[in-house]
Amino acid sequence: MKLSVVMPAYNESETIADAIKMVLDIDYGMDLEVLVVDDGSTDNTLEIMKGISSKNKKVKSFSNVKNKGKGYSIRYGMEKASGDFVVIQDADLEYDPVQIRDLLKPLVEGQASVVYGSRFMGESKNQSMLFYVGNKILNLCFNALFFTRLTDVETCYKLASADVFRSLKLSSDGFEIEGEISAKLVKNGHKILELPIKYFAREKEKKKINVWDGVKTAATMIKLRLNLL
């Protein structure tokens, strides 16, 4: 078996090397590939990625000619993935990849078809009130629309088989892809197992997501509920 770690990156020169190394250093009990997708970075993120991938066959680097959005990068990485299981890993180190092992276990043992790492079931540090409230609102919106009881639909840590992800036929280019993934999983009949994770939020001014992204995510959820997407 093989695990594919899809890592979208945009201007992450400060953390990208450490993020890749941390993913590589973990024993997942199966083969591993790391697919790093640079989203038109204006710093030297791409150069760092290429340097690492040229020395390690487990790391594959891809690049968007211009900035197309996190969703586009995730979709591209999933298309290139050759593993049995896929997980999304942000390059900013807000999520410690050592946690992937525990999230992967229910999939391997056949106890679940989809596993989420929930920041709100575990320990979250440095999360601003704005982003905390925003996530809570999106969770309430999602649960009301899809009759679920999820605690973290926006989490980066979404794990499933490659076949499950590809069956969703994702189309979002921006941050709203998180809502699209969750909505399509539920609509396709998948029960999402949530497990607690630790989350270390980056400083507010360094975050690339904003209030408008939250609005677009909510709109995407509503459109999917009404079968408009």
Protein backbone atom coordinates (compact mmCIF):
# COMPACT_ATOMS: atom_id res chain seq x y z
CA MET A 1 0.00 0.00 0.00
CA LYS A 2 1.03 3.59 -0.54
CA LEU A 3 0.12 6.94 1.02
CA SER A 4 0.06 10.06 -1.14
CA VAL A 5 0.55 13.32 0.76
CA VAL A 6 -0.68 16.29 -1.29
CA MET A 7 0.98 19.52 -0.15
CA PRO A 8 -0.21 22.78 -1.75
CA ALA A 9 2.24 25.64 -1.23
CA TYR A 10 2.19 29.38 -1.89
CA ASN A 11 5.05 31.58 -0.66
CA GLU A 12 6.07 29.08 2.02
CA SER A 13 9.85 29.40 1.68
CA GLU A 14 10.23 29.68 5.47
CA THR A 15 8.56 26.35 6.21
CA ILE A 16 8.41 24.21 3.05
CA ALA A 17 11.69 22.35 3.63
CA ASP A 18 10.81 21.53 7.24
CA ALA A 19 7.28 20.49 6.25
CA ILE A 20 8.54 18.05 3.63
CA LYS A 21 11.21 16.66 5.97
CA MET A 22 8.68 16.13 8.76
CA VAL A 23 6.40 14.19 6.41
CA LEU A 24 9.29 12.07 5.13
CA ASP A 25 10.62 11.26 8.61
CA ILE A 26 7.44 9.46 9.70
CA ASP A 27 6.88 5.71 9.38
CA TYR A 28 3.34 5.25 8.05
CA GLY A 29 3.60 1.49 7.71
CA MET A 30 3.39 1.74 3.93
CA ASP A 31 5.10 3.32 0.93
CA LEU A 32 5.02 7.10 0.66
CA GLU A 33 4.99 9.82 -1.95
CA VAL A 34 4.85 13.56 -1.30
CA LEU A 35 3.33 15.66 -4.07
CA VAL A 36 4.19 19.32 -3.53
CA VAL A 37 2.29 21.77 -5.75
CA ASP A 38 3.63 25.31 -5.89
CA ASP A 39 0.87 27.80 -6.65
CA GLY A 40 2.84 30.46 -8.49
CA SER A 41 4.91 31.55 -5.49
CA THR A 42 6.80 34.84 -5.75
CA ASP A 43 9.48 33.78 -3.26
CA ASN A 44 11.88 30.83 -3.63
CA THR A 45 9.42 28.12 -2.56
CA LEU A 46 9.62 26.43 -5.96
CA GLU A 47 13.42 26.38 -5.99
CA ILE A 48 13.48 24.76 -2.54
CA MET A 49 10.92 22.16 -3.63
CA LYS A 50 12.86 21.28 -6.77
CA GLY A 51 16.08 20.99 -4.81
CA ILE A 52 14.50 18.47 -2.44
CA SER A 53 12.71 16.45 -5.13
CA SER A 54 15.91 16.19 -7.19
CA LYS A 55 17.54 14.36 -4.26
CA ASN A 56 14.59 12.27 -3.03
CA LYS A 57 12.46 10.12 -5.34
CA LYS A 58 9.61 10.11 -2.83
CA VAL A 59 9.10 13.84 -3.39
CA LYS A 60 7.50 15.10 -6.59
CA SER A 61 7.32 18.81 -7.29
CA PHE A 62 4.80 20.52 -9.55
CA SER A 63 4.19 24.18 -10.30
CA ASN A 64 1.33 26.35 -11.49
CA VAL A 65 2.64 29.02 -13.85
CA LYS A 66 0.52 31.58 -12.01
CA ASN A 67 -1.41 31.64 -8.75
CA LYS A 68 -4.61 29.62 -9.27
CA GLY A 69 -5.69 28.93 -5.71
CA LYS A 70 -5.36 26.26 -3.04
CA GLY A 71 -8.27 24.26 -4.45
CA TYR A 72 -6.69 24.05 -7.88
CA SER A 73 -3.40 22.89 -6.37
CA ILE A 74 -5.14 20.22 -4.29
CA ARG A 75 -7.06 18.94 -7.31
CA TYR A 76 -3.88 18.84 -9.39
CA GLY A 77 -2.02 16.95 -6.69
CA MET A 78 -4.83 14.42 -6.35
CA GLU A 79 -4.81 13.83 -10.10
CA LYS A 80 -1.10 13.01 -9.96
CA ALA A 81 -1.33 10.84 -6.83
CA SER A 82 -0.52 7.15 -7.28
CA GLY A 83 -1.18 6.02 -3.71
CA ASP A 84 -4.00 3.95 -2.29
CA PHE A 85 -4.76 6.63 0.30
CA VAL A 86 -4.54 10.41 0.06
CA VAL A 87 -4.17 13.09 2.71
CA ILE A 88 -3.87 16.86 2.38
CA GLN A 89 -1.01 18.48 4.31
CA ASP A 90 -0.55 22.25 4.51
CA ALA A 91 3.01 23.51 4.10
CA ASP A 92 2.82 26.09 6.90
CA LEU A 93 3.26 23.58 9.77
CA GLU A 94 -0.02 24.48 11.47
CA TYR A 95 -0.71 20.73 11.37
CA ASP A 96 1.96 18.33 12.66
CA PRO A 97 2.18 15.42 10.17
CA VAL A 98 3.03 12.93 12.91
CA GLN A 99 -0.73 12.89 13.55
CA ILE A 100 -1.41 11.37 10.13
CA ARG A 101 -0.48 7.91 11.41
CA ASP A 102 -3.38 7.82 13.88
CA LEU A 103 -5.79 9.22 11.29
CA LEU A 104 -4.69 6.64 8.73
CA LYS A 105 -5.24 3.65 11.01
CA PRO A 106 -9.09 3.46 10.73
CA LEU A 107 -8.81 3.56 6.92
CA VAL A 108 -6.26 0.75 6.78
CA GLU A 109 -8.27 -1.38 9.22
CA GLY A 110 -11.49 -0.81 7.27
CA GLN A 111 -13.24 0.97 10.14
CA ALA A 112 -14.00 4.08 8.06
CA SER A 113 -13.92 5.24 4.45
CA VAL A 114 -13.16 8.87 5.35
CA VAL A 115 -11.30 10.30 8.35
CA TYR A 116 -11.05 13.96 9.41
CA GLY A 117 -8.68 15.41 11.98
CA SER A 118 -10.77 17.81 14.06
CA ARG A 119 -9.12 20.88 15.57
CA PHE A 120 -12.14 21.45 17.80
CA MET A 121 -12.04 17.98 19.35
CA GLY A 122 -8.35 18.36 20.16
CA GLU A 123 -5.96 21.09 21.25
CA SER A 124 -5.76 24.34 19.29
CA LYS A 125 -3.22 27.06 20.04
CA ASN A 126 -2.96 30.69 18.90
CA GLN A 127 -6.22 30.56 16.95
CA SER A 128 -7.66 34.07 16.65
CA MET A 129 -11.24 34.76 17.71
CA LEU A 130 -12.14 35.78 14.13
CA PHE A 131 -11.07 32.47 12.62
CA TYR A 132 -12.47 30.48 15.53
CA VAL A 133 -15.91 32.08 15.15
CA GLY A 134 -15.74 31.85 11.37
CA ASN A 135 -15.06 28.13 11.50
CA LYS A 136 -17.84 27.60 14.02
CA ILE A 137 -20.31 29.43 11.76
CA LEU A 138 -19.30 27.34 8.75
CA ASN A 139 -19.70 24.17 10.80
CA LEU A 140 -23.19 25.22 11.90
CA CYS A 141 -24.10 26.09 8.32
CA PHE A 142 -22.84 22.76 7.01
CA ASN A 143 -24.55 20.68 9.68
CA ALA A 144 -27.85 22.49 9.14
CA LEU A 145 -27.66 21.99 5.38
CA PHE A 146 -26.55 18.36 5.34
CA PHE A 147 -28.03 17.05 8.62
CA THR A 148 -24.65 16.07 10.05
CA ARG A 149 -22.90 16.63 13.37
CA LEU A 150 -19.37 17.36 12.22
CA THR A 151 -17.12 19.57 14.32
CA ASP A 152 -14.57 20.68 11.69
CA VAL A 153 -15.60 20.63 8.03
CA GLU A 154 -12.78 23.07 7.16
CA THR A 155 -9.92 20.98 8.54
CA CYS A 156 -6.91 20.45 6.33
CA TYR A 157 -6.62 16.84 7.47
CA LYS A 158 -9.00 14.92 5.25
CA LEU A 159 -8.01 11.31 4.57
CA ALA A 160 -9.64 8.84 2.21
CA SER A 161 -8.78 6.42 -0.54
CA ALA A 162 -7.66 7.90 -3.83
CA ASP A 163 -10.75 6.39 -5.47
CA VAL A 164 -13.06 8.16 -3.02
CA PHE A 165 -11.46 11.55 -3.67
CA ARG A 166 -11.52 11.10 -7.45
CA SER A 167 -15.19 10.09 -7.36
CA LEU A 168 -16.05 13.54 -6.01
CA LYS A 169 -15.18 15.29 -9.29
CA LEU A 170 -14.01 18.41 -7.47
CA SER A 171 -14.10 21.77 -9.25
CA SER A 172 -13.24 24.52 -6.73
CA ASP A 173 -10.06 26.53 -7.22
CA GLY A 174 -9.96 28.43 -3.92
CA PHE A 175 -10.27 27.74 -0.20
CA GLU A 176 -13.91 26.79 -0.73
CA ILE A 177 -12.69 23.36 -1.84
CA GLU A 178 -12.78 22.33 1.84
CA GLY A 179 -16.55 22.82 1.90
CA GLU A 180 -16.95 21.17 -1.49
CA ILE A 181 -15.07 18.06 -0.38
CA SER A 182 -17.14 17.73 2.80
CA ALA A 183 -20.45 18.32 1.02
CA LYS A 184 -19.77 15.85 -1.78
CA LEU A 185 -18.56 13.19 0.63
CA VAL A 186 -21.81 13.42 2.59
CA LYS A 187 -23.94 13.56 -0.56
CA ASN A 188 -22.18 10.45 -1.86
CA GLY A 189 -23.12 8.58 1.30
CA HIS A 190 -19.77 8.53 3.08
CA LYS A 191 -19.77 8.63 6.87
CA ILE A 192 -16.96 10.87 8.10
CA LEU A 193 -15.07 9.71 11.18
CA GLU A 194 -13.59 12.62 13.15
CA LEU A 195 -10.59 12.19 15.45
CA PRO A 196 -8.97 14.88 17.64
CA ILE A 197 -5.77 16.57 16.49
CA LYS A 198 -3.48 19.31 17.75
CA TYR A 199 -3.44 22.55 15.76
CA PHE A 200 -0.96 25.42 16.00
CA ALA A 201 -2.33 28.46 14.15
CA ARG A 202 0.09 30.80 12.42
CA GLU A 203 -0.01 34.53 13.11
CA LYS A 204 -3.13 36.22 11.78
CA GLU A 205 -1.24 38.55 9.45
CA LYS A 206 0.47 35.57 7.78
CA LYS A 207 -2.75 33.72 6.98
CA LYS A 208 -3.78 33.63 3.35
CA ILE A 209 -7.45 32.92 4.03
CA ASN A 210 -9.86 35.79 4.75
CA VAL A 211 -13.51 36.52 5.51
CA TRP A 212 -14.42 36.56 1.82
CA ASP A 213 -13.12 33.00 1.48
CA GLY A 214 -15.52 32.00 4.26
CA VAL A 215 -18.41 33.61 2.40
CA LYS A 216 -17.51 31.75 -0.79
CA THR A 217 -17.29 28.49 1.16
CA ALA A 218 -20.77 29.01 2.63
CA ALA A 219 -22.11 29.83 -0.84
CA THR A 220 -20.54 26.65 -2.23
CA MET A 221 -22.18 24.57 0.50
CA ILE A 222 -25.59 26.08 -0.24
CA LYS A 223 -25.24 25.54 -3.99
CA LEU A 224 -24.27 21.91 -3.46
CA ARG A 225 -27.22 21.39 -1.12
CA LEU A 226 -29.51 22.79 -3.82
CA ASN A 227 -27.78 20.71 -6.51
CA LEU A 228 -26.64 23.85 -8.32
CA LEU A 229 -23.04 22.60 -8.57
